[in-house]
Amino acid sequence: MNIGIASDRSGLPPKTIRYYEDIGLVRPDRTDNGYRDYSVADIHELRFLQRARSLGFSVDECRQLLSLYQDRNRESADVKAIAEAKLAEIDRKIAELASLRRLLSHLVEHCQGDDRPDCPIIDELAGERMAR
């Protein structure tokens, strides 16, 4: 099937599919005239990549997961280790965002938002931290 059909069936834009081919994640066959020819297995791999990316896995992590997906002798412990590392990364990012939210909320609470020039938000951005 051509890239348009592969796009429809995988839920990925053609540009993304071409990128995945360029970096070696998928390797569709080529017809005699040079067009890509995606198989059902290629579509499964593209869907797999789409779902993995939607869960936040990086391209390199997707490469590892795809390799494990293709390996019928894989150990689920290898897959779990990748997923646990991603979960730890997500938890770290959530903690960072929560900290940023607390700081910004504190600044907003202490800004009068009136016609005076004093503003703790500007002071913080200028490096003139306010007392908490």
C-alpha atoms as a PDB file:
ATOM      1  CA  MET A   1       0.000   0.000   0.000  1.00  0.00           C
ATOM      2  CA  ASN A   2       1.192   3.540  -0.674  1.00  0.00           C
ATOM      3  CA  ILE A   3       2.096   6.143   1.935  1.00  0.00           C
ATOM      4  CA  GLY A   4      -1.363   7.778   1.826  1.00  0.00           C
ATOM      5  CA  ILE A   5      -3.079   4.537   2.759  1.00  0.00           C
ATOM      6  CA  ALA A   6      -0.370   3.789   5.331  1.00  0.00           C
ATOM      7  CA  SER A   7      -0.996   7.223   6.804  1.00  0.00           C
ATOM      8  CA  ASP A   8      -4.753   6.642   7.007  1.00  0.00           C
ATOM      9  CA  ARG A   9      -4.350   3.214   8.593  1.00  0.00           C
ATOM     10  CA  SER A  10      -1.617   4.165  11.049  1.00  0.00           C
ATOM     11  CA  GLY A  11      -2.920   7.569  12.089  1.00  0.00           C
ATOM     12  CA  LEU A  12       0.444   9.171  11.300  1.00  0.00           C
ATOM     13  CA  PRO A  13       1.043  11.979   8.820  1.00  0.00           C
ATOM     14  CA  PRO A  14       3.042  11.025   5.706  1.00  0.00           C
ATOM     15  CA  LYS A  15       5.828  13.386   6.802  1.00  0.00           C
ATOM     16  CA  THR A  16       6.233  11.473  10.074  1.00  0.00           C
ATOM     17  CA  ILE A  17       6.223   8.146   8.243  1.00  0.00           C
ATOM     18  CA  ARG A  18       8.949   9.412   5.903  1.00  0.00           C
ATOM     19  CA  TYR A  19      10.942  10.624   8.921  1.00  0.00           C
ATOM     20  CA  TYR A  20      10.641   7.226  10.595  1.00  0.00           C
ATOM     21  CA  GLU A  21      11.923   5.665   7.390  1.00  0.00           C
ATOM     22  CA  ASP A  22      14.801   8.168   7.164  1.00  0.00           C
ATOM     23  CA  ILE A  23      15.972   7.269  10.673  1.00  0.00           C
ATOM     24  CA  GLY A  24      15.527   3.541  10.098  1.00  0.00           C
ATOM     25  CA  LEU A  25      12.530   2.821  12.327  1.00  0.00           C
ATOM     26  CA  VAL A  26      10.532   1.397   9.435  1.00  0.00           C
ATOM     27  CA  ARG A  27      11.785  -0.058   6.182  1.00  0.00           C
ATOM     28  CA  PRO A  28       9.000  -0.428   3.638  1.00  0.00           C
ATOM     29  CA  ASP A  29       9.644  -2.269   0.422  1.00  0.00           C
ATOM     30  CA  ARG A  30       9.907  -0.291  -2.820  1.00  0.00           C
ATOM     31  CA  THR A  31       7.993  -0.967  -5.984  1.00  0.00           C
ATOM     32  CA  ASP A  32       9.779  -1.207  -9.318  1.00  0.00           C
ATOM     33  CA  ASN A  33       9.123   2.486  -9.922  1.00  0.00           C
ATOM     34  CA  GLY A  34      10.610   3.435  -6.510  1.00  0.00           C
ATOM     35  CA  TYR A  35       7.424   4.113  -4.566  1.00  0.00           C
ATOM     36  CA  ARG A  36       7.169   2.957  -0.989  1.00  0.00           C
ATOM     37  CA  ASP A  37       5.093  -0.180  -0.546  1.00  0.00           C
ATOM     38  CA  TYR A  38       3.872  -0.613   3.034  1.00  0.00           C
ATOM     39  CA  SER A  39       2.878  -4.070   4.245  1.00  0.00           C
ATOM     40  CA  VAL A  40       0.386  -4.947   6.957  1.00  0.00           C
ATOM     41  CA  ALA A  41       3.370  -5.569   9.259  1.00  0.00           C
ATOM     42  CA  ASP A  42       4.675  -2.057   8.500  1.00  0.00           C
ATOM     43  CA  ILE A  43       1.281  -0.615   9.460  1.00  0.00           C
ATOM     44  CA  HIS A  44       1.369  -2.517  12.763  1.00  0.00           C
ATOM     45  CA  GLU A  45       4.825  -1.093  13.461  1.00  0.00           C
ATOM     46  CA  LEU A  46       3.691   2.433  12.570  1.00  0.00           C
ATOM     47  CA  ARG A  47       0.695   2.109  14.912  1.00  0.00           C
ATOM     48  CA  PHE A  48       3.021   0.773  17.594  1.00  0.00           C
ATOM     49  CA  LEU A  49       5.289   3.800  17.140  1.00  0.00           C
ATOM     50  CA  GLN A  50       2.328   6.183  17.168  1.00  0.00           C
ATOM     51  CA  ARG A  51       1.086   4.765  20.469  1.00  0.00           C
ATOM     52  CA  ALA A  52       4.564   4.711  21.996  1.00  0.00           C
ATOM     53  CA  ARG A  53       5.166   8.337  21.028  1.00  0.00           C
ATOM     54  CA  SER A  54       1.757   9.322  22.429  1.00  0.00           C
ATOM     55  CA  LEU A  55       2.871   7.853  25.769  1.00  0.00           C
ATOM     56  CA  GLY A  56       5.896  10.128  25.720  1.00  0.00           C
ATOM     57  CA  PHE A  57       8.599   7.700  24.652  1.00  0.00           C
ATOM     58  CA  SER A  58      11.490   9.312  22.779  1.00  0.00           C
ATOM     59  CA  VAL A  59      12.503   8.174  19.324  1.00  0.00           C
ATOM     60  CA  ASP A  60      15.423   6.228  20.816  1.00  0.00           C
ATOM     61  CA  GLU A  61      13.130   4.592  23.359  1.00  0.00           C
ATOM     62  CA  CYS A  62      10.724   3.752  20.529  1.00  0.00           C
ATOM     63  CA  ARG A  63      13.612   2.156  18.663  1.00  0.00           C
ATOM     64  CA  GLN A  64      14.334  -0.052  21.702  1.00  0.00           C
ATOM     65  CA  LEU A  65      10.669  -0.895  22.219  1.00  0.00           C
ATOM     66  CA  LEU A  66      10.154  -1.670  18.539  1.00  0.00           C
ATOM     67  CA  SER A  67      13.154  -3.973  18.622  1.00  0.00           C
ATOM     68  CA  LEU A  68      11.657  -5.757  21.618  1.00  0.00           C
ATOM     69  CA  TYR A  69       8.254  -5.874  19.894  1.00  0.00           C
ATOM     70  CA  GLN A  70       9.861  -7.600  16.920  1.00  0.00           C
ATOM     71  CA  ASP A  71      11.811 -10.033  19.128  1.00  0.00           C
ATOM     72  CA  ARG A  72       9.505 -12.934  20.025  1.00  0.00           C
ATOM     73  CA  ASN A  73      12.161 -14.178  22.504  1.00  0.00           C
ATOM     74  CA  ARG A  74      12.209 -10.886  24.400  1.00  0.00           C
ATOM     75  CA  GLU A  75      12.021 -10.749  28.152  1.00  0.00           C
ATOM     76  CA  SER A  76       9.195  -8.630  29.481  1.00  0.00           C
ATOM     77  CA  ALA A  77      11.619  -7.380  32.141  1.00  0.00           C
ATOM     78  CA  ASP A  78      13.424  -5.442  29.396  1.00  0.00           C
ATOM     79  CA  VAL A  79      10.196  -3.775  28.308  1.00  0.00           C
ATOM     80  CA  LYS A  80       9.217  -3.051  31.892  1.00  0.00           C
ATOM     81  CA  ALA A  81      12.602  -1.441  32.618  1.00  0.00           C
ATOM     82  CA  ILE A  82      12.128   1.010  29.746  1.00  0.00           C
ATOM     83  CA  ALA A  83       8.587   1.812  30.884  1.00  0.00           C
ATOM     84  CA  GLU A  84       9.668   2.249  34.514  1.00  0.00           C
ATOM     85  CA  ALA A  85      12.435   4.646  33.464  1.00  0.00           C
ATOM     86  CA  LYS A  86       9.891   6.667  31.454  1.00  0.00           C
ATOM     87  CA  LEU A  87       7.518   6.695  34.429  1.00  0.00           C
ATOM     88  CA  ALA A  88      10.295   8.008  36.691  1.00  0.00           C
ATOM     89  CA  GLU A  89      11.055  10.722  34.134  1.00  0.00           C
ATOM     90  CA  ILE A  90       7.371  11.703  33.994  1.00  0.00           C
ATOM     91  CA  ASP A  91       7.187  11.827  37.811  1.00  0.00           C
ATOM     92  CA  ARG A  92      10.279  14.074  37.892  1.00  0.00           C
ATOM     93  CA  LYS A  93       8.720  16.406  35.304  1.00  0.00           C
ATOM     94  CA  ILE A  94       5.458  16.522  37.259  1.00  0.00           C
ATOM     95  CA  ALA A  95       7.379  17.483  40.405  1.00  0.00           C
ATOM     96  CA  GLU A  96       9.218  20.227  38.502  1.00  0.00           C
ATOM     97  CA  LEU A  97       5.951  21.566  37.090  1.00  0.00           C
ATOM     98  CA  ALA A  98       4.311  21.484  40.536  1.00  0.00           C
ATOM     99  CA  SER A  99       7.216  23.504  41.929  1.00  0.00           C
ATOM    100  CA  LEU A 100       6.921  26.031  39.102  1.00  0.00           C
ATOM    101  CA  ARG A 101       3.197  26.251  39.687  1.00  0.00           C
ATOM    102  CA  ARG A 102       3.662  26.925  43.407  1.00  0.00           C
ATOM    103  CA  LEU A 103       6.175  29.699  42.699  1.00  0.00           C
ATOM    104  CA  LEU A 104       4.066  31.356  40.017  1.00  0.00           C
ATOM    105  CA  SER A 105       0.929  31.058  42.139  1.00  0.00           C
ATOM    106  CA  HIS A 106       2.768  32.700  45.045  1.00  0.00           C
ATOM    107  CA  LEU A 107       3.894  35.551  42.788  1.00  0.00           C
ATOM    108  CA  VAL A 108       0.410  36.061  41.369  1.00  0.00           C
ATOM    109  CA  GLU A 109      -1.082  36.121  44.878  1.00  0.00           C
ATOM    110  CA  HIS A 110       1.356  38.840  45.919  1.00  0.00           C
ATOM    111  CA  CYS A 111       0.977  41.054  42.867  1.00  0.00           C
ATOM    112  CA  GLN A 112      -1.556  43.786  43.479  1.00  0.00           C
ATOM    113  CA  GLY A 113      -2.455  44.003  39.791  1.00  0.00           C
ATOM    114  CA  ASP A 114      -3.248  47.680  40.092  1.00  0.00           C
ATOM    115  CA  ASP A 115      -1.926  50.881  38.540  1.00  0.00           C
ATOM    116  CA  ARG A 116       1.265  50.979  40.651  1.00  0.00           C
ATOM    117  CA  PRO A 117       4.566  49.867  39.093  1.00  0.00           C
ATOM    118  CA  ASP A 118       5.555  47.537  41.960  1.00  0.00           C
ATOM    119  CA  CYS A 119       5.181  43.946  40.841  1.00  0.00           C
ATOM    120  CA  PRO A 120       6.684  40.838  42.478  1.00  0.00           C
ATOM    121  CA  ILE A 121       6.343  38.940  39.208  1.00  0.00           C
ATOM    122  CA  ILE A 122       8.624  41.418  37.425  1.00  0.00           C
ATOM    123  CA  ASP A 123      10.953  41.451  40.444  1.00  0.00           C
ATOM    124  CA  GLU A 124      11.265  37.656  40.291  1.00  0.00           C
ATOM    125  CA  LEU A 125      11.909  37.694  36.549  1.00  0.00           C
ATOM    126  CA  ALA A 126      14.553  40.395  37.091  1.00  0.00           C
ATOM    127  CA  GLY A 127      16.252  38.262  39.734  1.00  0.00           C
ATOM    128  CA  GLU A 128      15.083  40.388  42.654  1.00  0.00           C
ATOM    129  CA  ARG A 129      13.444  37.608  44.635  1.00  0.00           C
ATOM    130  CA  MET A 130      10.718  38.528  47.034  1.00  0.00           C
ATOM    131  CA  ALA A 131      10.686  37.179  50.584  1.00  0.00           C
ATOM    132  CA  ARG A 132       8.434  34.188  50.940  1.00  0.00           C
END
